[in-house]
Amino acid sequence: LYVDTDVLFLRPVDDIWKFLRQFNSTQLAAMAPEHEIPKIG
């Protein structure tokens, strides 16, 4: 799990590791969108 130095966890770090088990056969990394609304992203 890579995180920037300006990241704070507001819940146990263990919880984010669970996403690894949700990867399908081709997925090899996980990230969040840069923005939710493209017109202002």
All heavy atoms as atom14 arrays in JSON, in Angstrom:
{
  "sequence": "LYVDTDVLFLRPVDDIWKFLRQFNSTQLAAMAPEHEIPKIG",
  "atom14_mask": [
    [1, 1, 1, 1, 1, 1, 1, 1, 0, 0, 0, 0, 0, 0],
    [1, 1, 1, 1, 1, 1, 1, 1, 1, 1, 1, 1, 0, 0],
    [1, 1, 1, 1, 1, 1, 1, 0, 0, 0, 0, 0, 0, 0],
    [1, 1, 1, 1, 1, 1, 1, 1, 0, 0, 0, 0, 0, 0],
    [1, 1, 1, 1, 1, 1, 1, 0, 0, 0, 0, 0, 0, 0],
    [1, 1, 1, 1, 1, 1, 1, 1, 0, 0, 0, 0, 0, 0],
    [1, 1, 1, 1, 1, 1, 1, 0, 0, 0, 0, 0, 0, 0],
    [1, 1, 1, 1, 1, 1, 1, 1, 0, 0, 0, 0, 0, 0],
    [1, 1, 1, 1, 1, 1, 1, 1, 1, 1, 1, 0, 0, 0],
    [1, 1, 1, 1, 1, 1, 1, 1, 0, 0, 0, 0, 0, 0],
    [1, 1, 1, 1, 1, 1, 1, 1, 1, 1, 1, 0, 0, 0],
    [1, 1, 1, 1, 1, 1, 1, 0, 0, 0, 0, 0, 0, 0],
    [1, 1, 1, 1, 1, 1, 1, 0, 0, 0, 0, 0, 0, 0],
    [1, 1, 1, 1, 1, 1, 1, 1, 0, 0, 0, 0, 0, 0],
    [1, 1, 1, 1, 1, 1, 1, 1, 0, 0, 0, 0, 0, 0],
    [1, 1, 1, 1, 1, 1, 1, 1, 0, 0, 0, 0, 0, 0],
    [1, 1, 1, 1, 1, 1, 1, 1, 1, 1, 1, 1, 1, 1],
    [1, 1, 1, 1, 1, 1, 1, 1, 1, 0, 0, 0, 0, 0],
    [1, 1, 1, 1, 1, 1, 1, 1, 1, 1, 1, 0, 0, 0],
    [1, 1, 1, 1, 1, 1, 1, 1, 0, 0, 0, 0, 0, 0],
    [1, 1, 1, 1, 1, 1, 1, 1, 1, 1, 1, 0, 0, 0],
    [1, 1, 1, 1, 1, 1, 1, 1, 1, 0, 0, 0, 0, 0],
    [1, 1, 1, 1, 1, 1, 1, 1, 1, 1, 1, 0, 0, 0],
    [1, 1, 1, 1, 1, 1, 1, 1, 0, 0, 0, 0, 0, 0],
    [1, 1, 1, 1, 1, 1, 0, 0, 0, 0, 0, 0, 0, 0],
    [1, 1, 1, 1, 1, 1, 1, 0, 0, 0, 0, 0, 0, 0],
    [1, 1, 1, 1, 1, 1, 1, 1, 1, 0, 0, 0, 0, 0],
    [1, 1, 1, 1, 1, 1, 1, 1, 0, 0, 0, 0, 0, 0],
    [1, 1, 1, 1, 1, 0, 0, 0, 0, 0, 0, 0, 0, 0],
    [1, 1, 1, 1, 1, 0, 0, 0, 0, 0, 0, 0, 0, 0],
    [1, 1, 1, 1, 1, 1, 1, 1, 0, 0, 0, 0, 0, 0],
    [1, 1, 1, 1, 1, 0, 0, 0, 0, 0, 0, 0, 0, 0],
    [1, 1, 1, 1, 1, 1, 1, 0, 0, 0, 0, 0, 0, 0],
    [1, 1, 1, 1, 1, 1, 1, 1, 1, 0, 0, 0, 0, 0],
    [1, 1, 1, 1, 1, 1, 1, 1, 1, 1, 0, 0, 0, 0],
    [1, 1, 1, 1, 1, 1, 1, 1, 1, 0, 0, 0, 0, 0],
    [1, 1, 1, 1, 1, 1, 1, 1, 0, 0, 0, 0, 0, 0],
    [1, 1, 1, 1, 1, 1, 1, 0, 0, 0, 0, 0, 0, 0],
    [1, 1, 1, 1, 1, 1, 1, 1, 1, 0, 0, 0, 0, 0],
    [1, 1, 1, 1, 1, 1, 1, 1, 0, 0, 0, 0, 0, 0],
    [1, 1, 1, 1, 0, 0, 0, 0, 0, 0, 0, 0, 0, 0]
  ],
  "atom14_positions": [
    [[0.86, -1.18, 0.0], [0.0, 0.0, 0.0], [0.89, 1.23, 0.0], [1.67, 1.44, 0.93], [-0.91, 0.01, 1.23], [-1.71, 1.3, 1.47], [-2.7, 1.54, 0.33], [-2.45, 1.23, 2.8], [0.0, 0.0, 0.0], [0.0, 0.0, 0.0], [0.0, 0.0, 0.0], [0.0, 0.0, 0.0], [0.0, 0.0, 0.0], [0.0, 0.0, 0.0]],
    [[0.82, 2.02, -1.06], [1.57, 3.27, -1.14], [0.66, 4.42, -0.72], [-0.49, 4.49, -1.16], [2.07, 3.53, -2.57], [2.54, 4.95, -2.76], [3.86, 5.3, -2.48], [1.66, 5.96, -3.14], [4.29, 6.61, -2.58], [2.08, 7.27, -3.26], [3.39, 7.59, -2.97], [3.81, 8.89, -3.06], [0.0, 0.0, 0.0], [0.0, 0.0, 0.0]],
    [[1.16, 5.31, 0.12], [0.42, 6.53, 0.44], [1.37, 7.73, 0.43], [2.55, 7.6, 0.78], [-0.3, 6.47, 1.82], [-1.36, 5.38, 1.81], [0.68, 6.24, 2.95], [0.0, 0.0, 0.0], [0.0, 0.0, 0.0], [0.0, 0.0, 0.0], [0.0, 0.0, 0.0], [0.0, 0.0, 0.0], [0.0, 0.0, 0.0], [0.0, 0.0, 0.0]],
    [[0.87, 8.89, 0.03], [1.64, 10.12, 0.14], [1.86, 10.46, 1.62], [1.14, 9.98, 2.5], [0.88, 11.28, -0.52], [0.97, 11.24, -2.05], [1.67, 10.37, -2.58], [0.32, 12.09, -2.69], [0.0, 0.0, 0.0], [0.0, 0.0, 0.0], [0.0, 0.0, 0.0], [0.0, 0.0, 0.0], [0.0, 0.0, 0.0], [0.0, 0.0, 0.0]],
    [[2.83, 11.33, 1.88], [3.14, 11.69, 3.27], [2.08, 12.59, 3.89], [2.1, 12.81, 5.1], [4.5, 12.4, 3.35], [4.49, 13.55, 2.49], [5.62, 11.47, 2.93], [0.0, 0.0, 0.0], [0.0, 0.0, 0.0], [0.0, 0.0, 0.0], [0.0, 0.0, 0.0], [0.0, 0.0, 0.0], [0.0, 0.0, 0.0], [0.0, 0.0, 0.0]],
    [[1.16, 13.12, 3.08], [0.12, 14.0, 3.62], [-1.22, 13.27, 3.75], [-2.28, 13.86, 3.61], [-0.04, 15.27, 2.75], [-0.22, 14.94, 1.27], [-0.38, 13.75, 0.93], [-0.2, 15.89, 0.46], [0.0, 0.0, 0.0], [0.0, 0.0, 0.0], [0.0, 0.0, 0.0], [0.0, 0.0, 0.0], [0.0, 0.0, 0.0], [0.0, 0.0, 0.0]],
    [[-1.15, 11.97, 4.03], [-2.34, 11.14, 4.17], [-2.55, 10.75, 5.63], [-1.61, 10.39, 6.32], [-2.22, 9.87, 3.28], [-3.16, 8.78, 3.74], [-2.5, 10.21, 1.83], [0.0, 0.0, 0.0], [0.0, 0.0, 0.0], [0.0, 0.0, 0.0], [0.0, 0.0, 0.0], [0.0, 0.0, 0.0], [0.0, 0.0, 0.0], [0.0, 0.0, 0.0]],
    [[-3.81, 10.84, 6.09], [-4.18, 10.43, 7.45], [-5.28, 9.39, 7.38], [-6.26, 9.56, 6.67], [-4.68, 11.64, 8.26], [-3.67, 12.73, 8.6], [-4.38, 13.94, 9.21], [-2.62, 12.21, 9.56], [0.0, 0.0, 0.0], [0.0, 0.0, 0.0], [0.0, 0.0, 0.0], [0.0, 0.0, 0.0], [0.0, 0.0, 0.0], [0.0, 0.0, 0.0]],
    [[-5.11, 8.31, 8.13], [-6.14, 7.27, 8.2], [-7.1, 7.58, 9.33], [-6.68, 7.74, 10.48], [-5.5, 5.89, 8.4], [-4.9, 5.33, 7.15], [-3.63, 5.72, 6.74], [-5.6, 4.42, 6.37], [-3.07, 5.22, 5.58], [-5.05, 3.92, 5.2], [-3.78, 4.31, 4.8], [0.0, 0.0, 0.0], [0.0, 0.0, 0.0], [0.0, 0.0, 0.0]],
    [[-8.39, 7.65, 9.03], [-9.42, 7.9, 10.04], [-10.11, 6.61, 10.45], [-11.12, 6.66, 11.17], [-10.44, 8.92, 9.51], [-9.85, 10.25, 9.01], [-10.97, 11.24, 8.69], [-8.89, 10.87, 10.02], [0.0, 0.0, 0.0], [0.0, 0.0, 0.0], [0.0, 0.0, 0.0], [0.0, 0.0, 0.0], [0.0, 0.0, 0.0], [0.0, 0.0, 0.0]],
    [[-9.6, 5.48, 9.99], [-10.08, 4.16, 10.38], [-8.89, 3.21, 10.28], [-7.86, 3.58, 9.72], [-11.25, 3.72, 9.5], [-10.88, 3.5, 8.05], [-12.09, 3.3, 7.16], [-12.73, 2.01, 7.38], [-13.82, 1.61, 6.71], [-14.37, 2.44, 5.82], [-14.35, 0.44, 6.93], [0.0, 0.0, 0.0], [0.0, 0.0, 0.0], [0.0, 0.0, 0.0]],
    [[-9.0, 2.0, 10.78], [-7.86, 1.09, 10.75], [-7.31, 0.87, 9.34], [-8.07, 0.69, 8.38], [-8.44, -0.21, 11.32], [-9.54, 0.24, 12.22], [-10.14, 1.42, 11.53], [0.0, 0.0, 0.0], [0.0, 0.0, 0.0], [0.0, 0.0, 0.0], [0.0, 0.0, 0.0], [0.0, 0.0, 0.0], [0.0, 0.0, 0.0], [0.0, 0.0, 0.0]],
    [[-5.98, 0.88, 9.23], [-5.33, 0.67, 7.93], [-5.7, -0.69, 7.35], [-5.8, -0.84, 6.13], [-3.79, 0.78, 8.09], [-3.1, 0.58, 6.76], [-3.42, 2.14, 8.67], [0.0, 0.0, 0.0], [0.0, 0.0, 0.0], [0.0, 0.0, 0.0], [0.0, 0.0, 0.0], [0.0, 0.0, 0.0], [0.0, 0.0, 0.0], [0.0, 0.0, 0.0]],
    [[-5.92, -1.67, 8.21], [-6.27, -3.02, 7.74], [-7.44, -3.0, 6.76], [-7.5, -3.82, 5.83], [-6.66, -3.92, 8.92], [-5.48, -4.21, 9.83], [-4.38, -3.74, 9.52], [-5.68, -4.89, 10.85], [0.0, 0.0, 0.0], [0.0, 0.0, 0.0], [0.0, 0.0, 0.0], [0.0, 0.0, 0.0], [0.0, 0.0, 0.0], [0.0, 0.0, 0.0]],
    [[-8.37, -2.08, 6.95], [-9.61, -2.09, 6.17], [-9.35, -1.89, 4.67], [-10.07, -2.45, 3.83], [-10.58, -1.02, 6.67], [-11.12, -1.34, 8.06], [-10.94, -2.49, 8.51], [-11.71, -0.44, 8.69], [0.0, 0.0, 0.0], [0.0, 0.0, 0.0], [0.0, 0.0, 0.0], [0.0, 0.0, 0.0], [0.0, 0.0, 0.0], [0.0, 0.0, 0.0]],
    [[-8.36, -1.09, 4.32], [-8.13, -0.82, 2.89], [-7.51, -2.03, 2.19], [-7.68, -2.23, 0.99], [-7.25, 0.44, 2.69], [-7.38, 0.94, 1.23], [-5.8, 0.2, 3.07], [-6.75, 2.31, 1.0], [0.0, 0.0, 0.0], [0.0, 0.0, 0.0], [0.0, 0.0, 0.0], [0.0, 0.0, 0.0], [0.0, 0.0, 0.0], [0.0, 0.0, 0.0]],
    [[-6.81, -2.89, 2.95], [-6.2, -4.08, 2.36], [-7.26, -5.04, 1.81], [-6.97, -5.86, 0.94], [-5.34, -4.8, 3.39], [-4.02, -4.14, 3.63], [-3.68, -3.32, 4.67], [-2.84, -4.24, 2.81], [-2.38, -2.91, 4.54], [-1.85, -3.45, 3.41], [-2.55, -4.91, 1.63], [-0.56, -3.33, 2.87], [-1.27, -4.78, 1.08], [-0.3, -3.99, 1.7]],
    [[-8.49, -4.94, 2.33], [-9.54, -5.86, 1.89], [-9.87, -5.7, 0.41], [-10.4, -6.62, -0.21], [-10.8, -5.65, 2.74], [-10.59, -5.97, 4.22], [-11.8, -5.59, 5.06], [-11.55, -5.84, 6.54], [-12.67, -5.36, 7.39], [0.0, 0.0, 0.0], [0.0, 0.0, 0.0], [0.0, 0.0, 0.0], [0.0, 0.0, 0.0], [0.0, 0.0, 0.0]],
    [[-9.55, -4.54, -0.16], [-9.81, -4.34, -1.59], [-9.0, -5.29, -2.46], [-9.42, -5.63, -3.57], [-9.52, -2.89, -1.99], [-10.56, -1.91, -1.54], [-10.24, -0.91, -0.63], [-11.85, -1.96, -2.03], [-11.21, 0.0, -0.21], [-12.82, -1.05, -1.62], [-12.5, -0.08, -0.71], [0.0, 0.0, 0.0], [0.0, 0.0, 0.0], [0.0, 0.0, 0.0]],
    [[-7.84, -5.71, -1.98], [-7.02, -6.64, -2.76], [-7.8, -7.92, -3.09], [-7.65, -8.49, -4.17], [-5.75, -7.0, -2.0], [-4.59, -5.99, -2.03], [-3.49, -6.4, -1.06], [-4.04, -5.84, -3.44], [0.0, 0.0, 0.0], [0.0, 0.0, 0.0], [0.0, 0.0, 0.0], [0.0, 0.0, 0.0], [0.0, 0.0, 0.0], [0.0, 0.0, 0.0]],
    [[-8.63, -8.35, -2.14], [-9.4, -9.58, -2.35], [-10.54, -9.37, -3.34], [-11.16, -10.34, -3.79], [-9.94, -10.09, -1.01], [-8.86, -10.54, -0.05], [-9.42, -11.42, 1.06], [-10.28, -10.68, 1.97], [-9.84, -10.06, 3.08], [-8.56, -10.11, 3.39], [-10.68, -9.42, 3.86], [0.0, 0.0, 0.0], [0.0, 0.0, 0.0], [0.0, 0.0, 0.0]],
    [[-10.84, -8.11, -3.68], [-11.91, -7.83, -4.63], [-11.4, -7.68, -6.06], [-12.19, -7.51, -6.99], [-12.66, -6.56, -4.19], [-13.33, -6.7, -2.83], [-14.1, -5.44, -2.42], [-14.54, -4.67, -3.27], [-14.23, -5.23, -1.13], [0.0, 0.0, 0.0], [0.0, 0.0, 0.0], [0.0, 0.0, 0.0], [0.0, 0.0, 0.0], [0.0, 0.0, 0.0]],
    [[-10.07, -7.72, -6.25], [-9.52, -7.63, -7.61], [-10.02, -8.8, -8.45], [-10.11, -9.93, -7.97], [-7.99, -7.7, -7.57], [-7.31, -6.43, -7.13], [-8.01, -5.4, -6.53], [-5.95, -6.27, -7.32], [-7.38, -4.24, -6.12], [-5.29, -5.11, -6.92], [-6.01, -4.09, -6.32], [0.0, 0.0, 0.0], [0.0, 0.0, 0.0], [0.0, 0.0, 0.0]],
    [[-10.34, -8.54, -9.72], [-10.61, -9.65, -10.63], [-9.29, -10.17, -11.19], [-8.21, -9.75, -10.75], [-11.6, -9.23, -11.72], [-11.02, -8.17, -12.65], [-9.81, -8.03, -12.8], [-11.9, -7.4, -13.28], [0.0, 0.0, 0.0], [0.0, 0.0, 0.0], [0.0, 0.0, 0.0], [0.0, 0.0, 0.0], [0.0, 0.0, 0.0], [0.0, 0.0, 0.0]],
    [[-9.34, -11.03, -12.17], [-8.13, -11.71, -12.63], [-7.15, -10.8, -13.37], [-5.97, -11.13, -13.51], [-8.51, -12.88, -13.55], [-9.24, -12.41, -14.68], [0.0, 0.0, 0.0], [0.0, 0.0, 0.0], [0.0, 0.0, 0.0], [0.0, 0.0, 0.0], [0.0, 0.0, 0.0], [0.0, 0.0, 0.0], [0.0, 0.0, 0.0], [0.0, 0.0, 0.0]],
    [[-7.61, -9.63, -13.84], [-6.71, -8.74, -14.6], [-6.26, -7.53, -13.79], [-5.3, -6.85, -14.19], [-7.41, -8.24, -15.88], [-8.55, -7.44, -15.53], [-7.84, -9.41, -16.76], [0.0, 0.0, 0.0], [0.0, 0.0, 0.0], [0.0, 0.0, 0.0], [0.0, 0.0, 0.0], [0.0, 0.0, 0.0], [0.0, 0.0, 0.0], [0.0, 0.0, 0.0]],
    [[-6.9, -7.23, -12.7], [-6.58, -6.02, -11.94], [-5.33, -6.22, -11.09], [-5.15, -7.28, -10.49], [-7.78, -5.63, -11.07], [-8.96, -5.13, -11.9], [-10.26, -5.04, -11.13], [-10.44, -5.71, -10.11], [-11.19, -4.24, -11.62], [0.0, 0.0, 0.0], [0.0, 0.0, 0.0], [0.0, 0.0, 0.0], [0.0, 0.0, 0.0], [0.0, 0.0, 0.0]],
    [[-4.48, -5.2, -11.06], [-3.22, -5.31, -10.35], [-2.9, -4.08, -9.5], [-1.87, -4.03, -8.82], [-2.08, -5.6, -11.33], [-2.02, -4.77, -12.63], [-1.52, -3.37, -12.41], [-1.17, -5.5, -13.66], [0.0, 0.0, 0.0], [0.0, 0.0, 0.0], [0.0, 0.0, 0.0], [0.0, 0.0, 0.0], [0.0, 0.0, 0.0], [0.0, 0.0, 0.0]],
    [[-3.76, -3.07, -9.54], [-3.57, -1.88, -8.71], [-4.93, -1.25, -8.46], [-5.9, -1.51, -9.19], [-2.66, -0.87, -9.4], [0.0, 0.0, 0.0], [0.0, 0.0, 0.0], [0.0, 0.0, 0.0], [0.0, 0.0, 0.0], [0.0, 0.0, 0.0], [0.0, 0.0, 0.0], [0.0, 0.0, 0.0], [0.0, 0.0, 0.0], [0.0, 0.0, 0.0]],
    [[-5.0, -0.43, -7.4], [-6.26, 0.25, -7.06], [-5.98, 1.69, -6.67], [-5.04, 1.97, -5.93], [-6.97, -0.48, -5.92], [0.0, 0.0, 0.0], [0.0, 0.0, 0.0], [0.0, 0.0, 0.0], [0.0, 0.0, 0.0], [0.0, 0.0, 0.0], [0.0, 0.0, 0.0], [0.0, 0.0, 0.0], [0.0, 0.0, 0.0], [0.0, 0.0, 0.0]],
    [[-6.79, 2.59, -7.21], [-6.71, 4.02, -6.88], [-8.12, 4.6, -6.88], [-9.05, 3.99, -7.39], [-5.83, 4.77, -7.89], [-4.35, 4.5, -7.77], [-3.36, 5.54, -8.88], [-3.53, 4.63, -10.4], [0.0, 0.0, 0.0], [0.0, 0.0, 0.0], [0.0, 0.0, 0.0], [0.0, 0.0, 0.0], [0.0, 0.0, 0.0], [0.0, 0.0, 0.0]],
    [[-8.26, 5.79, -6.33], [-9.53, 6.51, -6.35], [-9.52, 7.52, -7.5], [-8.45, 7.95, -7.95], [-9.76, 7.22, -5.03], [0.0, 0.0, 0.0], [0.0, 0.0, 0.0], [0.0, 0.0, 0.0], [0.0, 0.0, 0.0], [0.0, 0.0, 0.0], [0.0, 0.0, 0.0], [0.0, 0.0, 0.0], [0.0, 0.0, 0.0], [0.0, 0.0, 0.0]],
    [[-10.69, 7.94, -7.96], [-10.74, 8.95, -9.02], [-10.09, 10.26, -8.58], [-10.09, 10.61, -7.39], [-12.24, 9.15, -9.25], [-12.89, 7.91, -8.72], [-12.04, 7.47, -7.58], [0.0, 0.0, 0.0], [0.0, 0.0, 0.0], [0.0, 0.0, 0.0], [0.0, 0.0, 0.0], [0.0, 0.0, 0.0], [0.0, 0.0, 0.0], [0.0, 0.0, 0.0]],
    [[-9.54, 10.97, -9.53], [-9.0, 12.31, -9.24], [-10.14, 13.27, -8.92], [-10.0, 14.17, -8.11], [-8.2, 12.81, -10.45], [-7.79, 14.28, -10.39], [-6.78, 14.6, -9.3], [-6.13, 13.67, -8.78], [-6.63, 15.8, -8.96], [0.0, 0.0, 0.0], [0.0, 0.0, 0.0], [0.0, 0.0, 0.0], [0.0, 0.0, 0.0], [0.0, 0.0, 0.0]],
    [[-11.26, 13.08, -9.57], [-12.41, 13.94, -9.31], [-13.69, 13.18, -9.61], [-13.69, 12.24, -10.41], [-12.35, 15.21, -10.16], [-12.9, 16.42, -9.47], [-14.26, 16.59, -9.25], [-12.3, 17.49, -8.9], [-14.45, 17.74, -8.61], [-13.28, 18.29, -8.38], [0.0, 0.0, 0.0], [0.0, 0.0, 0.0], [0.0, 0.0, 0.0], [0.0, 0.0, 0.0]],
    [[-14.77, 13.58, -8.97], [-16.06, 12.93, -9.19], [-16.86, 13.61, -10.3], [-17.77, 13.02, -10.87], [-16.89, 12.97, -7.88], [-16.21, 12.3, -6.7], [-15.82, 10.87, -6.99], [-16.71, 10.06, -7.29], [-14.62, 10.55, -6.92], [0.0, 0.0, 0.0], [0.0, 0.0, 0.0], [0.0, 0.0, 0.0], [0.0, 0.0, 0.0], [0.0, 0.0, 0.0]],
    [[-16.52, 14.86, -10.59], [-17.28, 15.62, -11.6], [-16.31, 16.07, -12.69], [-15.52, 17.01, -12.49], [-17.96, 16.85, -10.96], [-18.86, 16.41, -9.8], [-18.77, 17.62, -12.01], [-19.47, 17.56, -9.02], [0.0, 0.0, 0.0], [0.0, 0.0, 0.0], [0.0, 0.0, 0.0], [0.0, 0.0, 0.0], [0.0, 0.0, 0.0], [0.0, 0.0, 0.0]],
    [[-16.31, 15.41, -13.85], [-15.32, 15.71, -14.9], [-15.26, 17.18, -15.3], [-14.16, 17.7, -15.56], [-15.81, 14.84, -16.07], [-16.49, 13.69, -15.42], [-17.18, 14.27, -14.21], [0.0, 0.0, 0.0], [0.0, 0.0, 0.0], [0.0, 0.0, 0.0], [0.0, 0.0, 0.0], [0.0, 0.0, 0.0], [0.0, 0.0, 0.0], [0.0, 0.0, 0.0]],
    [[-16.38, 17.87, -15.34], [-16.37, 19.26, -15.85], [-15.6, 20.22, -14.95], [-15.23, 21.31, -15.38], [-17.8, 19.77, -16.09], [-18.62, 19.96, -14.84], [-20.01, 20.48, -15.21], [-20.88, 20.69, -13.97], [-22.24, 21.17, -14.32], [0.0, 0.0, 0.0], [0.0, 0.0, 0.0], [0.0, 0.0, 0.0], [0.0, 0.0, 0.0], [0.0, 0.0, 0.0]],
    [[-15.34, 19.82, -13.69], [-14.51, 20.68, -12.84], [-13.24, 19.96, -12.39], [-12.52, 20.42, -11.52], [-15.29, 21.18, -11.59], [-15.84, 20.02, -10.76], [-16.4, 22.13, -12.0], [-16.52, 20.48, -9.47], [0.0, 0.0, 0.0], [0.0, 0.0, 0.0], [0.0, 0.0, 0.0], [0.0, 0.0, 0.0], [0.0, 0.0, 0.0], [0.0, 0.0, 0.0]],
    [[-12.95, 18.8, -13.0], [-11.74, 18.05, -12.68], [-10.53, 18.59, -13.4], [-10.64, 19.22, -14.47], [0.0, 0.0, 0.0], [0.0, 0.0, 0.0], [0.0, 0.0, 0.0], [0.0, 0.0, 0.0], [0.0, 0.0, 0.0], [0.0, 0.0, 0.0], [0.0, 0.0, 0.0], [0.0, 0.0, 0.0], [0.0, 0.0, 0.0], [0.0, 0.0, 0.0]]
  ]
}
